Amino acid sequence: MSHKRLCKITSSSVLLVLFIVLMGCSGEGGYIKTTAEDKFEVGKDEQRPNIVVIVADDLGMADIGAFGSEIPTPNIDALAKSGVQLTNFHTAPTCSPTRAMLLSGTDNHQAGIGAMKEFMGSSARYLLEKPGYEGYLNNRVATLPEVMAEAGYETLMVGKWHLGYKEDQVPSARGFQRSFTLLEGGAGHFDDFSMMPFAKKATYLENGKPATLPQNFYSSPFYTNKMAQYIDERDSTKPFLSYLAYTAPHWPLQAPDASIAKFKGKYDEGYEVLLANRVANQKKMGLIPESTDVPELPKNLKPWASLTAEEQKISARKMEIYAAMVSDLDAAIGDFVSHLKEKGLYENTIIFFFSDNGTEYNTPESRVYRKFLPEYVKACCDNSYENMGKINSYVMYGPEWARAGSGVHRLYKGSTAQGGINTPAFVHFPKMVNAKKYDGFVSVMDLMPTMIELGNAKHPYSAGNTENNVLPMRGSSMVDMLTSKDGRVHNDDYVMGFELHGGKAIRKGHWKILLLNPPAGTGQWQLYNLANDPAEQIDLSESNPEKLEELKLAWEEYSKAVGVQAIRPLQK
């Protein structure tokens, strides 16, 4: 759906107005501030906030300080700790499905990314063009920027798109009035090096036209500065929606020498020690139960002590580069916040931050990439110890370090286990909310309804109206949770499904069923109580068959509702 079409649909709509005035609230909690000097009321046009959405790429649940990491992230931590930390926030297992959910407010299987386009192209071509599997953000959904632009917001985007490549699929065609974007799922962090061998160079567009990168390009600060430019050049009479989609710390791992040097020797004790330290930090912070045990090292991974001294040296170097990228991402976000303050915009800007999925665990030699990456990396790059992290290197840090990034959670990016879908997230808006941790279930689909409510916007879907063929949002607004002491986003009976490339899961309250195909799983449904088993270690399917059947029925209902397609077994 084009922005022009959406304007036609909603031009006669009455803006949604919701007044929330809660007097006399103070102290701890995420409820609204109502002092005479600093009062915010949802629903008043003159107080509509600027909206900033910051997305990190492949950042694990335990990778920032506010969620248990040792990596110094003071700028992100300051925002998180003075806002509402969403400790039970969920995404899709990988990046483009999550981004489709963010920008549509509905399930990825309805929004066009039922599977990764790369997966369908290489392993499941039979899925292409099935409803919800178009491989791009389809025209059955009204996008967040389309809706917000119709409500009078200036819509700005910088960073990773990964939701379509054709002229009518890029950000400028889907509601963003100004944009500088990487179309692919990743690229070099110092230049337009293609992450995959399918293209000679990564594709960048500015406002829908081919763009080139500056000679001093480094992804995180460049995206920050470009967004700052757009904000400075905007129509200052309008509020703005800013979508800042960083590519860090997505592989290939690359960072300036000075950034990497800060972490020299920090990871010489190995990944098992790192995981234990992060779990201990999370317990102290109240992020996980005190009774949670550190999961045992999976049998397919090597203990740190079994590595040779040279192997340990190389492995630790990869983690040093990763930490440098996270630290530099934090510095870039800090610069962006400083810019908002300098321009007098900070006080009336709400910031949503999250990671698009869990940590990347693969290596160029792993099963997922072995058909095409090993030879490509061998030909393109110098991965010697001295050169790792530079412009012509191509490394990933592998499942051992990724496991530490997931914390206690099971597995990583690409999985419907918690390590793939439970990511760090927070909402920052001191003008409206006080600091707290919110442990209720929240998903990326809930962000668009929240922004629509805060911006007095109107989604074009209406029950019974088939004229515009627009799908409804499946998410729910977080405003009540953000502005009231006991408000919640979803009740305990709320059901959400997850599926990607044959991996499946259903959440209902703190109960979850999970189906993972070998070698990650058994190919059978397993049942977990996440309230006391966040690591998904204790399968309760045999001891609680009634709950298992209840959630299996919920899976069937979800699968039918969103149009999940069966995945044929992959050829070995």
Protein backbone atom coordinates (compact mmCIF):
# COMPACT_ATOMS: atom_id res chain seq x y z
CA MET A 1 0.00 0.00 0.00
CA SER A 2 1.49 3.34 -0.99
CA HIS A 3 1.43 6.39 1.25
CA LYS A 4 -0.78 8.09 -1.35
CA ARG A 5 -3.30 5.24 -1.19
CA LEU A 6 -3.35 5.32 2.60
CA CYS A 7 -4.01 9.07 2.60
CA LYS A 8 -7.02 8.47 0.38
CA ILE A 9 -8.33 5.79 2.71
CA THR A 10 -8.01 7.80 5.90
CA SER A 11 -8.56 11.38 4.80
CA SER A 12 -12.03 11.52 6.34
CA SER A 13 -11.09 9.62 9.49
CA VAL A 14 -11.57 11.22 12.87
CA LEU A 15 -8.33 11.22 14.87
CA LEU A 16 -8.33 8.93 17.87
CA VAL A 17 -8.38 11.03 21.05
CA LEU A 18 -7.76 9.43 24.43
CA PHE A 19 -7.36 11.56 27.56
CA ILE A 20 -5.52 9.98 30.47
CA VAL A 21 -5.15 12.23 33.50
CA LEU A 22 -3.95 10.45 36.60
CA MET A 23 -3.50 12.92 39.44
CA GLY A 24 -1.28 12.58 42.46
CA CYS A 25 0.98 9.74 41.31
CA SER A 26 4.58 9.80 42.45
CA GLY A 27 7.37 7.51 43.59
CA GLU A 28 8.36 4.28 41.90
CA GLY A 29 6.36 2.76 39.09
CA GLY A 30 5.75 3.38 35.39
CA TYR A 31 2.78 5.70 35.83
CA ILE A 32 2.22 9.17 34.50
CA LYS A 33 3.93 12.23 35.94
CA THR A 34 1.50 15.01 36.75
CA THR A 35 3.36 17.75 38.61
CA ALA A 36 2.42 21.28 37.66
CA GLU A 37 5.83 21.81 36.09
CA ASP A 38 5.95 18.59 34.08
CA LYS A 39 2.61 17.20 32.99
CA PHE A 40 1.92 15.04 29.95
CA GLU A 41 -1.53 14.05 28.76
CA VAL A 42 -2.04 11.43 26.07
CA GLY A 43 -4.44 12.70 23.43
CA LYS A 44 -3.56 16.38 23.30
CA ASP A 45 -2.36 17.38 19.86
CA GLU A 46 -0.12 20.12 21.23
CA GLN A 47 1.70 17.52 23.36
CA ARG A 48 2.11 14.80 20.76
CA PRO A 49 5.61 13.45 21.29
CA ASN A 50 8.36 12.96 18.78
CA ILE A 51 8.92 9.23 18.40
CA VAL A 52 12.31 7.52 18.05
CA VAL A 53 12.61 3.79 17.36
CA ILE A 54 16.15 2.43 17.80
CA VAL A 55 16.83 -1.12 16.65
CA ALA A 56 20.10 -2.96 17.28
CA ASP A 57 20.99 -5.88 15.02
CA ASP A 58 21.71 -9.31 16.57
CA LEU A 59 22.22 -7.90 20.08
CA GLY A 60 21.72 -10.55 22.75
CA MET A 61 19.59 -10.32 25.89
CA ALA A 62 22.70 -10.12 28.09
CA ASP A 63 24.81 -7.86 25.84
CA ILE A 64 24.19 -4.45 27.44
CA GLY A 65 24.94 -3.31 30.96
CA ALA A 66 21.35 -2.72 32.04
CA PHE A 67 20.62 -6.37 31.21
CA GLY A 68 23.72 -7.94 32.80
CA SER A 69 26.67 -7.30 30.47
CA GLU A 70 30.18 -6.23 31.39
CA ILE A 71 30.47 -4.28 28.10
CA PRO A 72 30.30 -0.59 29.05
CA THR A 73 27.09 0.82 27.58
CA PRO A 74 26.50 3.89 29.79
CA ASN A 75 24.30 5.77 27.33
CA ILE A 76 21.92 2.90 26.65
CA ASP A 77 21.92 2.01 30.36
CA ALA A 78 20.97 5.56 31.37
CA LEU A 79 17.98 5.50 29.03
CA ALA A 80 16.93 2.01 30.14
CA LYS A 81 17.27 2.59 33.87
CA SER A 82 15.29 5.84 33.79
CA GLY A 83 12.60 4.27 31.60
CA VAL A 84 10.52 1.11 31.53
CA GLN A 85 12.70 -1.96 31.02
CA LEU A 86 10.77 -4.62 29.14
CA THR A 87 12.27 -7.81 30.51
CA ASN A 88 9.77 -10.07 28.73
CA PHE A 89 9.95 -8.51 25.25
CA HIS A 90 9.68 -10.77 22.21
CA THR A 91 10.53 -10.54 18.53
CA ALA A 92 10.59 -12.96 15.62
CA PRO A 93 13.61 -15.32 15.45
CA THR A 94 15.35 -13.27 12.71
CA CYS A 95 15.62 -9.74 11.43
CA SER A 96 13.30 -9.19 8.46
CA PRO A 97 10.29 -10.94 10.08
CA THR A 98 10.77 -8.75 13.16
CA ARG A 99 11.01 -5.58 11.07
CA ALA A 100 7.84 -6.54 9.22
CA MET A 101 6.04 -6.94 12.55
CA LEU A 102 7.39 -3.61 13.82
CA LEU A 103 6.22 -1.66 10.78
CA SER A 104 2.83 -3.39 10.40
CA GLY A 105 1.74 -4.18 13.97
CA THR A 106 0.80 -7.67 12.84
CA ASP A 107 2.30 -11.14 12.40
CA ASN A 108 5.14 -11.59 9.93
CA HIS A 109 3.21 -14.36 8.15
CA GLN A 110 0.55 -11.80 7.27
CA ALA A 111 2.90 -8.91 6.52
CA GLY A 112 4.84 -10.72 3.77
CA ILE A 113 7.82 -12.23 5.57
CA GLY A 114 6.47 -15.65 6.54
CA ALA A 115 10.00 -16.83 5.82
CA MET A 116 13.28 -15.09 5.06
CA LYS A 117 13.51 -14.30 1.36
CA GLU A 118 17.07 -15.67 1.37
CA PHE A 119 15.79 -18.97 2.79
CA MET A 120 12.99 -19.23 0.25
CA GLY A 121 15.31 -18.41 -2.62
CA SER A 122 17.87 -21.04 -1.69
CA SER A 123 15.88 -23.79 0.03
CA ALA A 124 12.11 -23.29 -0.30
CA ARG A 125 11.16 -21.63 -3.58
CA TYR A 126 7.73 -23.27 -3.35
CA LEU A 127 6.86 -20.74 -0.62
CA LEU A 128 7.43 -17.65 -2.75
CA GLU A 129 4.28 -15.73 -3.69
CA LYS A 130 2.10 -17.68 -1.28
CA PRO A 131 -0.01 -15.23 0.76
CA GLY A 132 2.22 -13.77 3.45
CA TYR A 133 5.38 -15.23 1.88
CA GLU A 134 6.03 -12.57 -0.75
CA GLY A 135 9.49 -11.86 0.65
CA TYR A 136 8.80 -8.15 1.11
CA LEU A 137 6.53 -5.95 3.25
CA ASN A 138 3.32 -6.58 1.35
CA ASN A 139 0.45 -4.31 0.39
CA ARG A 140 -2.08 -5.95 2.71
CA VAL A 141 -0.69 -3.94 5.64
CA ALA A 142 -0.72 -0.24 6.44
CA THR A 143 2.79 0.65 7.51
CA LEU A 144 3.75 2.63 10.60
CA PRO A 145 5.22 5.55 8.61
CA GLU A 146 2.17 5.68 6.32
CA VAL A 147 -0.18 5.90 9.28
CA MET A 148 1.95 8.43 11.17
CA ALA A 149 2.47 10.61 8.09
CA GLU A 150 -1.28 10.74 7.60
CA ALA A 151 -1.55 11.97 11.20
CA GLY A 152 0.85 14.82 10.49
CA TYR A 153 4.19 13.32 11.52
CA GLU A 154 7.34 13.78 9.49
CA THR A 155 8.67 10.25 8.89
CA LEU A 156 12.42 9.61 8.79
CA MET A 157 14.46 6.43 8.47
CA VAL A 158 18.17 5.62 8.48
CA GLY A 159 19.81 2.18 8.46
CA LYS A 160 18.82 -1.36 7.57
CA TRP A 161 15.60 -2.02 5.62
CA HIS A 162 15.62 -5.71 4.54
CA LEU A 163 11.95 -5.64 3.55
CA GLY A 164 12.07 -5.43 -0.24
CA TYR A 165 14.31 -4.38 -3.10
CA LYS A 166 12.03 -3.18 -5.90
CA GLU A 167 11.10 0.45 -6.44
CA ASP A 168 7.63 0.05 -4.92
CA GLN A 169 8.96 -1.91 -1.92
CA VAL A 170 11.66 0.42 -0.54
CA PRO A 171 11.23 2.87 2.36
CA SER A 172 10.43 5.86 0.17
CA ALA A 173 7.50 3.90 -1.31
CA ARG A 174 6.20 2.69 2.07
CA GLY A 175 5.72 5.96 3.92
CA PHE A 176 9.16 7.29 4.86
CA GLN A 177 9.46 10.85 3.58
CA ARG A 178 13.24 10.90 4.00
CA SER A 179 15.45 7.82 4.19
CA PHE A 180 19.00 6.58 3.81
CA THR A 181 18.91 2.81 3.84
CA LEU A 182 20.79 -0.41 3.31
CA LEU A 183 18.42 -2.71 1.45
CA GLU A 184 20.12 -6.02 2.30
CA GLY A 185 20.26 -7.83 5.62
CA GLY A 186 23.80 -6.70 6.37
CA ALA A 187 27.02 -5.35 4.91
CA GLY A 188 30.55 -4.31 5.77
CA HIS A 189 30.70 -1.72 8.54
CA PHE A 190 33.46 0.32 6.84
CA ASP A 191 32.27 0.24 3.22
CA ASP A 192 29.70 -1.23 0.83
CA PHE A 193 31.19 -4.72 1.02
CA SER A 194 28.47 -7.30 0.35
CA MET A 195 27.87 -9.63 3.29
CA MET A 196 26.81 -12.41 0.90
CA PRO A 197 28.27 -13.52 -2.44
CA PHE A 198 24.99 -12.89 -4.25
CA ALA A 199 25.93 -9.27 -5.04
CA LYS A 200 29.20 -7.47 -5.68
CA LYS A 201 28.27 -4.60 -3.41
CA ALA A 202 25.61 -3.79 -0.83
CA THR A 203 22.76 -1.56 -2.03
CA TYR A 204 22.23 1.85 -0.46
CA LEU A 205 19.43 4.27 -1.34
CA GLU A 206 18.69 7.82 -0.26
CA ASN A 207 15.07 8.80 -0.76
CA GLY A 208 14.67 5.95 -3.22
CA LYS A 209 17.71 6.86 -5.35
CA PRO A 210 21.11 5.08 -5.46
CA ALA A 211 23.48 6.44 -2.83
CA THR A 212 27.20 6.14 -2.15
CA LEU A 213 28.98 6.00 1.19
CA PRO A 214 31.56 8.56 2.32
CA GLN A 215 35.22 7.52 2.51
CA ASN A 216 35.26 7.66 6.31
CA PHE A 217 32.12 5.51 6.66
CA TYR A 218 31.67 3.55 9.88
CA SER A 219 28.12 2.32 10.22
CA SER A 220 26.97 3.33 13.71
CA PRO A 221 28.22 6.95 13.79
CA PHE A 222 27.29 7.49 10.13
CA TYR A 223 23.68 6.43 10.67
CA THR A 224 23.52 8.64 13.77
CA ASN A 225 24.82 11.69 11.95
CA LYS A 226 22.53 11.15 8.97
CA MET A 227 19.48 10.96 11.23
CA ALA A 228 20.63 14.08 13.08
CA GLN A 229 20.83 15.82 9.69
CA TYR A 230 17.30 14.77 8.78
CA ILE A 231 15.96 15.98 12.11
CA ASP A 232 17.70 19.34 11.70
CA GLU A 233 16.28 19.75 8.19
CA ARG A 234 12.72 18.65 8.98
CA ASP A 235 9.61 20.78 9.10
CA SER A 236 9.90 21.94 12.71
CA THR A 237 6.17 22.60 12.94
CA LYS A 238 5.51 18.85 12.84
CA PRO A 239 6.36 16.07 15.29
CA PHE A 240 8.62 13.41 13.81
CA LEU A 241 8.89 9.63 13.67
CA SER A 242 12.55 8.59 13.55
CA TYR A 243 13.39 4.96 12.74
CA LEU A 244 17.09 4.42 13.45
CA ALA A 245 17.94 0.88 12.35
CA TYR A 246 21.59 0.21 13.16
CA THR A 247 23.47 -2.71 11.61
CA ALA A 248 25.74 -3.29 14.62
CA PRO A 249 26.71 -5.72 15.98
CA HIS A 250 25.66 -7.88 12.99
CA TRP A 251 28.48 -9.76 11.29
CA PRO A 252 30.97 -9.33 9.70
CA LEU A 253 32.55 -8.18 12.95
CA GLN A 254 34.45 -4.96 12.22
CA ALA A 255 35.47 -2.02 14.39
CA PRO A 256 38.25 0.62 14.56
CA ASP A 257 41.55 -0.49 16.06
CA ALA A 258 41.19 1.98 18.92
CA SER A 259 37.78 0.59 19.83
CA ILE A 260 39.00 -2.99 19.81
CA ALA A 261 42.08 -2.10 21.88
CA LYS A 262 39.82 -1.11 24.80
CA PHE A 263 38.89 -4.76 25.24
CA LYS A 264 42.32 -6.34 24.86
CA GLY A 265 42.57 -9.25 27.28
CA LYS A 266 39.04 -8.78 28.66
CA TYR A 267 37.87 -12.18 27.44
CA ASP A 268 40.93 -14.33 28.01
CA GLU A 269 39.11 -16.36 30.68
CA GLY A 270 36.75 -17.69 28.03
CA TYR A 271 33.08 -17.92 27.22
CA GLU A 272 32.04 -20.17 30.11
CA VAL A 273 33.32 -17.65 32.65
CA LEU A 274 31.65 -14.84 30.74
CA LEU A 275 28.28 -16.59 30.80
CA ALA A 276 28.54 -17.34 34.52
CA ASN A 277 29.37 -13.69 35.26
CA ARG A 278 26.48 -12.39 33.19
CA VAL A 279 24.01 -14.79 34.80
CA ALA A 280 25.21 -13.66 38.23
CA ASN A 281 24.70 -10.03 37.18
CA GLN A 282 21.19 -10.76 35.94
CA LYS A 283 20.30 -12.37 39.26
CA LYS A 284 21.53 -9.30 41.17
CA MET A 285 19.45 -7.09 38.91
CA GLY A 286 16.32 -9.17 39.46
CA LEU A 287 16.09 -10.09 35.78
CA ILE A 288 16.01 -13.85 36.42
CA PRO A 289 15.11 -15.97 39.48
CA GLU A 290 17.88 -16.51 42.04
CA SER A 291 17.35 -20.26 41.67
CA THR A 292 18.28 -20.21 37.96
CA ASP A 293 21.26 -22.41 37.17
CA VAL A 294 23.81 -21.67 34.49
CA PRO A 295 22.96 -24.04 31.63
CA GLU A 296 25.52 -26.72 30.94
CA LEU A 297 27.74 -26.35 27.89
CA PRO A 298 26.05 -28.19 24.99
CA LYS A 299 27.86 -31.31 23.88
CA ASN A 300 28.50 -29.93 20.41
CA LEU A 301 30.53 -27.02 21.83
CA LYS A 302 34.12 -27.23 23.04
CA PRO A 303 35.02 -26.28 26.60
CA TRP A 304 37.36 -23.29 26.72
CA ALA A 305 39.99 -25.34 28.50
CA SER A 306 40.08 -27.82 25.61
CA LEU A 307 41.21 -25.16 23.13
CA THR A 308 44.86 -24.65 22.34
CA ALA A 309 46.49 -21.38 23.39
CA GLU A 310 46.35 -20.18 19.77
CA GLU A 311 42.67 -21.11 19.46
CA GLN A 312 41.89 -19.24 22.67
CA LYS A 313 43.77 -16.19 21.41
CA ILE A 314 41.82 -16.10 18.14
CA SER A 315 38.48 -16.78 19.80
CA ALA A 316 38.99 -14.07 22.43
CA ARG A 317 39.89 -11.61 19.68
CA LYS A 318 36.52 -12.17 18.01
CA MET A 319 34.73 -11.36 21.26
CA GLU A 320 36.88 -8.24 21.68
CA ILE A 321 35.71 -7.00 18.27
CA TYR A 322 32.10 -7.77 19.10
CA ALA A 323 32.34 -5.87 22.39
CA ALA A 324 33.93 -2.93 20.55
CA MET A 325 30.99 -2.83 18.15
CA VAL A 326 28.48 -2.82 21.02
CA SER A 327 30.45 -0.11 22.81
CA ASP A 328 30.60 2.01 19.64
CA LEU A 329 26.86 1.51 19.13
CA ASP A 330 26.33 2.85 22.64
CA ALA A 331 28.51 5.88 21.90
CA ALA A 332 26.52 6.58 18.73
CA ILE A 333 23.23 6.42 20.62
CA GLY A 334 24.70 8.73 23.24
CA ASP A 335 25.62 11.23 20.51
CA PHE A 336 22.09 11.04 19.13
CA VAL A 337 20.53 11.71 22.54
CA SER A 338 22.93 14.62 23.04
CA HIS A 339 21.82 16.05 19.71
CA LEU A 340 18.17 15.83 20.75
CA LYS A 341 19.04 17.70 23.94
CA GLU A 342 21.02 20.39 22.10
CA LYS A 343 18.07 21.02 19.78
CA GLY A 344 15.56 21.19 22.63
CA LEU A 345 13.78 18.03 21.45
CA TYR A 346 14.71 15.53 24.15
CA GLU A 347 11.99 16.37 26.69
CA ASN A 348 9.17 15.67 24.25
CA THR A 349 10.68 12.61 22.57
CA ILE A 350 9.75 9.03 23.47
CA ILE A 351 12.44 6.45 22.68
CA PHE A 352 11.75 2.77 21.98
CA PHE A 353 14.84 0.54 21.96
CA PHE A 354 15.14 -3.17 21.22
CA SER A 355 17.19 -5.79 19.38
CA ASP A 356 15.66 -7.44 16.34
CA ASN A 357 16.48 -11.01 17.47
CA GLY A 358 18.95 -12.98 19.56
CA THR A 359 22.65 -13.45 19.01
CA GLU A 360 24.17 -14.75 15.76
CA TYR A 361 25.73 -18.14 16.41
CA ASN A 362 26.92 -19.28 13.00
CA THR A 363 30.34 -19.29 11.42
CA PRO A 364 31.15 -19.24 7.68
CA GLU A 365 31.72 -22.99 7.92
CA SER A 366 28.44 -23.82 9.67
CA ARG A 367 25.61 -25.78 8.07
CA VAL A 368 23.56 -22.68 7.30
CA TYR A 369 26.27 -21.04 5.22
CA ARG A 370 28.63 -23.78 4.10
CA LYS A 371 27.20 -23.93 0.56
CA PHE A 372 28.49 -20.49 -0.35
CA LEU A 373 30.38 -18.63 2.40
CA PRO A 374 33.66 -20.51 2.94
CA GLU A 375 34.99 -19.96 -0.57
CA TYR A 376 33.66 -16.41 -0.66
CA VAL A 377 35.38 -15.52 2.61
CA LYS A 378 38.59 -17.23 1.52
CA ALA A 379 38.66 -15.20 -1.69
CA CYS A 380 37.57 -11.83 -0.33
CA CYS A 381 39.20 -11.44 3.02
CA ASP A 382 42.21 -11.67 5.29
CA ASN A 383 41.18 -13.22 8.60
CA SER A 384 44.62 -13.49 10.13
CA TYR A 385 44.78 -12.58 13.80
CA GLU A 386 46.40 -9.19 13.13
CA ASN A 387 43.79 -8.28 10.51
CA MET A 388 40.59 -9.41 12.24
CA GLY A 389 38.13 -6.55 12.60
CA LYS A 390 39.56 -4.50 9.73
CA ILE A 391 37.81 -3.46 6.52
CA ASN A 392 38.88 -6.58 4.59
CA SER A 393 38.18 -9.16 7.30
CA TYR A 394 35.09 -11.34 7.65
CA VAL A 395 34.55 -13.06 10.99
CA MET A 396 31.66 -14.16 13.19
CA TYR A 397 32.14 -14.97 16.84
CA GLY A 398 30.37 -18.33 16.87
CA PRO A 399 27.97 -20.21 19.16
CA GLU A 400 30.17 -20.26 22.27
CA TRP A 401 30.23 -16.47 22.69
CA ALA A 402 26.67 -16.18 21.36
CA ARG A 403 25.58 -18.44 24.20
CA ALA A 404 26.95 -15.88 26.67
CA GLY A 405 25.05 -13.17 24.81
CA SER A 406 21.81 -15.10 25.31
CA GLY A 407 22.35 -15.34 29.07
CA VAL A 408 20.39 -18.22 30.54
CA HIS A 409 18.18 -18.43 27.50
CA ARG A 410 18.33 -21.41 25.20
CA LEU A 411 19.87 -21.10 21.74
CA TYR A 412 20.19 -18.04 19.54
CA LYS A 413 19.04 -16.12 16.46
CA GLY A 414 16.91 -18.20 14.09
CA SER A 415 15.38 -20.25 16.88
CA THR A 416 11.93 -20.06 18.46
CA ALA A 417 13.62 -20.91 21.77
CA GLN A 418 13.95 -17.95 24.14
CA GLY A 419 17.51 -17.14 23.04
CA GLY A 420 16.19 -16.32 19.59
CA ILE A 421 13.13 -14.26 20.49
CA ASN A 422 13.55 -12.67 23.96
CA THR A 423 15.68 -9.54 23.51
CA PRO A 424 16.62 -6.45 25.53
CA ALA A 425 14.11 -3.61 25.19
CA PHE A 426 12.93 -0.48 26.95
CA VAL A 427 10.76 2.62 26.60
CA HIS A 428 12.21 5.96 27.68
CA PHE A 429 10.07 9.08 28.19
CA PRO A 430 10.67 10.77 31.57
CA LYS A 431 7.99 13.33 30.74
CA MET A 432 5.43 10.54 30.91
CA VAL A 433 6.77 7.54 32.86
CA ASN A 434 8.89 6.77 35.90
CA ALA A 435 11.52 4.05 36.01
CA LYS A 436 10.50 0.46 36.50
CA LYS A 437 11.01 -3.08 35.22
CA TYR A 438 7.96 -4.56 33.52
CA ASP A 439 7.91 -8.36 33.42
CA GLY A 440 4.62 -8.79 31.57
CA PHE A 441 4.66 -10.24 28.08
CA VAL A 442 5.26 -7.68 25.31
CA SER A 443 6.02 -8.19 21.63
CA VAL A 444 7.33 -6.09 18.77
CA MET A 445 3.76 -6.04 17.39
CA ASP A 446 2.74 -3.88 20.36
CA LEU A 447 4.96 -0.96 19.38
CA MET A 448 2.94 0.31 16.42
CA PRO A 449 -0.39 0.44 18.32
CA THR A 450 1.43 2.31 21.11
CA MET A 451 2.85 4.90 18.73
CA ILE A 452 -0.49 5.33 16.99
CA GLU A 453 -2.17 6.07 20.30
CA LEU A 454 0.52 8.48 21.46
CA GLY A 455 0.44 10.27 18.10
CA ASN A 456 -3.36 10.56 17.86
CA ALA A 457 -3.19 8.63 14.60
CA LYS A 458 -5.78 6.34 13.06
CA HIS A 459 -5.18 2.90 11.57
CA PRO A 460 -7.24 2.43 8.35
CA TYR A 461 -8.57 -1.04 9.21
CA SER A 462 -12.18 -1.23 10.27
CA ALA A 463 -14.20 -4.39 10.84
CA GLY A 464 -16.45 -5.23 7.92
CA ASN A 465 -14.76 -2.77 5.56
CA THR A 466 -13.27 -4.80 2.73
CA GLU A 467 -12.91 -1.85 0.36
CA ASN A 468 -9.31 -1.07 1.26
CA ASN A 469 -8.27 -4.68 2.03
CA VAL A 470 -6.10 -3.59 4.97
CA LEU A 471 -5.30 -6.16 7.65
CA PRO A 472 -5.85 -5.25 11.31
CA MET A 473 -2.99 -5.00 13.77
CA ARG A 474 -2.57 -7.97 16.10
CA GLY A 475 -0.58 -6.03 18.70
CA SER A 476 -1.93 -3.98 21.63
CA SER A 477 -1.03 -0.51 22.87
CA MET A 478 1.32 -0.27 25.85
CA VAL A 479 0.04 3.16 26.90
CA ASP A 480 -2.00 1.92 29.85
CA MET A 481 0.99 -0.03 31.17
CA LEU A 482 3.28 2.96 30.68
CA THR A 483 0.95 5.46 32.34
CA SER A 484 -0.66 3.57 35.21
CA LYS A 485 0.79 1.82 38.22
CA ASP A 486 -0.87 -1.54 37.63
CA GLY A 487 -1.53 -1.36 33.91
CA ARG A 488 -0.69 -4.35 31.74
CA VAL A 489 -0.30 -4.86 28.01
CA HIS A 490 -1.83 -8.35 27.84
CA ASN A 491 -3.76 -10.51 30.27
CA ASP A 492 -2.57 -13.93 31.43
CA ASP A 493 -4.60 -15.72 28.76
CA TYR A 494 -2.95 -13.86 25.88
CA VAL A 495 -1.60 -16.20 23.21
CA MET A 496 1.21 -15.45 20.77
CA GLY A 497 2.68 -17.81 18.23
CA PHE A 498 6.14 -17.95 16.66
CA GLU A 499 7.22 -19.83 13.54
CA LEU A 500 10.17 -19.57 11.22
CA HIS A 501 11.54 -22.13 8.78
CA GLY A 502 9.83 -24.99 10.60
CA GLY A 503 10.67 -24.01 14.18
CA LYS A 504 7.51 -23.39 16.20
CA ALA A 505 6.39 -22.05 19.57
CA ILE A 506 3.30 -20.84 21.38
CA ARG A 507 3.22 -18.66 24.50
CA LYS A 508 0.24 -18.45 26.85
CA GLY A 509 1.04 -16.63 30.04
CA HIS A 510 4.23 -18.17 31.42
CA TRP A 511 3.59 -21.47 29.61
CA LYS A 512 5.28 -22.25 26.33
CA ILE A 513 5.41 -25.16 23.93
CA LEU A 514 8.39 -25.41 21.62
CA LEU A 515 9.11 -27.57 18.58
CA LEU A 516 12.64 -27.55 17.18
CA ASN A 517 13.85 -29.85 14.46
CA PRO A 518 17.10 -31.83 14.86
CA PRO A 519 19.88 -31.18 15.67
CA ALA A 520 18.64 -28.31 17.88
CA GLY A 521 15.60 -30.25 19.07
CA THR A 522 13.71 -33.52 18.89
CA GLY A 523 11.11 -32.61 16.26
CA GLN A 524 8.41 -33.05 18.95
CA TRP A 525 6.53 -30.52 21.07
CA GLN A 526 8.11 -29.75 24.45
CA LEU A 527 6.40 -27.89 27.30
CA TYR A 528 8.05 -25.34 29.60
CA ASN A 529 7.00 -23.19 32.53
CA LEU A 530 9.08 -20.06 31.96
CA ALA A 531 8.18 -18.56 35.33
CA ASN A 532 10.69 -20.82 37.06
CA ASP A 533 12.51 -22.26 34.05
CA PRO A 534 13.55 -19.34 31.80
CA ALA A 535 16.34 -21.50 30.35
CA GLU A 536 13.85 -24.05 28.94
CA GLN A 537 15.67 -26.95 30.57
CA ILE A 538 12.79 -28.91 32.15
CA ASP A 539 10.37 -30.47 29.66
CA LEU A 540 6.97 -30.89 31.33
CA SER A 541 5.12 -32.43 28.39
CA GLU A 542 4.85 -35.88 29.99
CA SER A 543 3.96 -34.66 33.47
CA ASN A 544 1.39 -32.10 32.28
CA PRO A 545 -0.27 -33.53 29.16
CA GLU A 546 -3.41 -31.38 29.60
CA LYS A 547 -1.45 -28.16 29.32
CA LEU A 548 0.45 -29.57 26.36
CA GLU A 549 -2.78 -30.35 24.52
CA GLU A 550 -4.22 -26.95 25.38
CA LEU A 551 -1.26 -25.17 23.83
CA LYS A 552 -1.11 -27.50 20.83
CA LEU A 553 -4.71 -26.50 20.09
CA ALA A 554 -3.68 -22.86 20.47
CA TRP A 555 -0.92 -23.50 17.94
CA GLU A 556 -3.38 -24.88 15.40
CA GLU A 557 -5.62 -21.85 15.84
CA TYR A 558 -2.71 -19.43 15.49
CA SER A 559 -1.25 -21.24 12.49
CA LYS A 560 -4.56 -21.16 10.66
CA ALA A 561 -5.25 -17.53 11.56
CA VAL A 562 -1.98 -16.15 10.16
CA GLY A 563 -1.47 -18.62 7.31
CA VAL A 564 1.63 -20.56 8.36
CA GLN A 565 2.82 -22.77 5.49
CA ALA A 566 4.39 -26.19 6.02
CA ILE A 567 8.14 -26.41 5.50
CA ARG A 568 9.42 -29.45 3.65
CA PRO A 569 12.47 -31.23 5.12
CA LEU A 570 15.67 -29.62 3.91
CA GLN A 571 18.04 -31.63 1.75
CA LYS A 572 21.23 -32.54 3.58
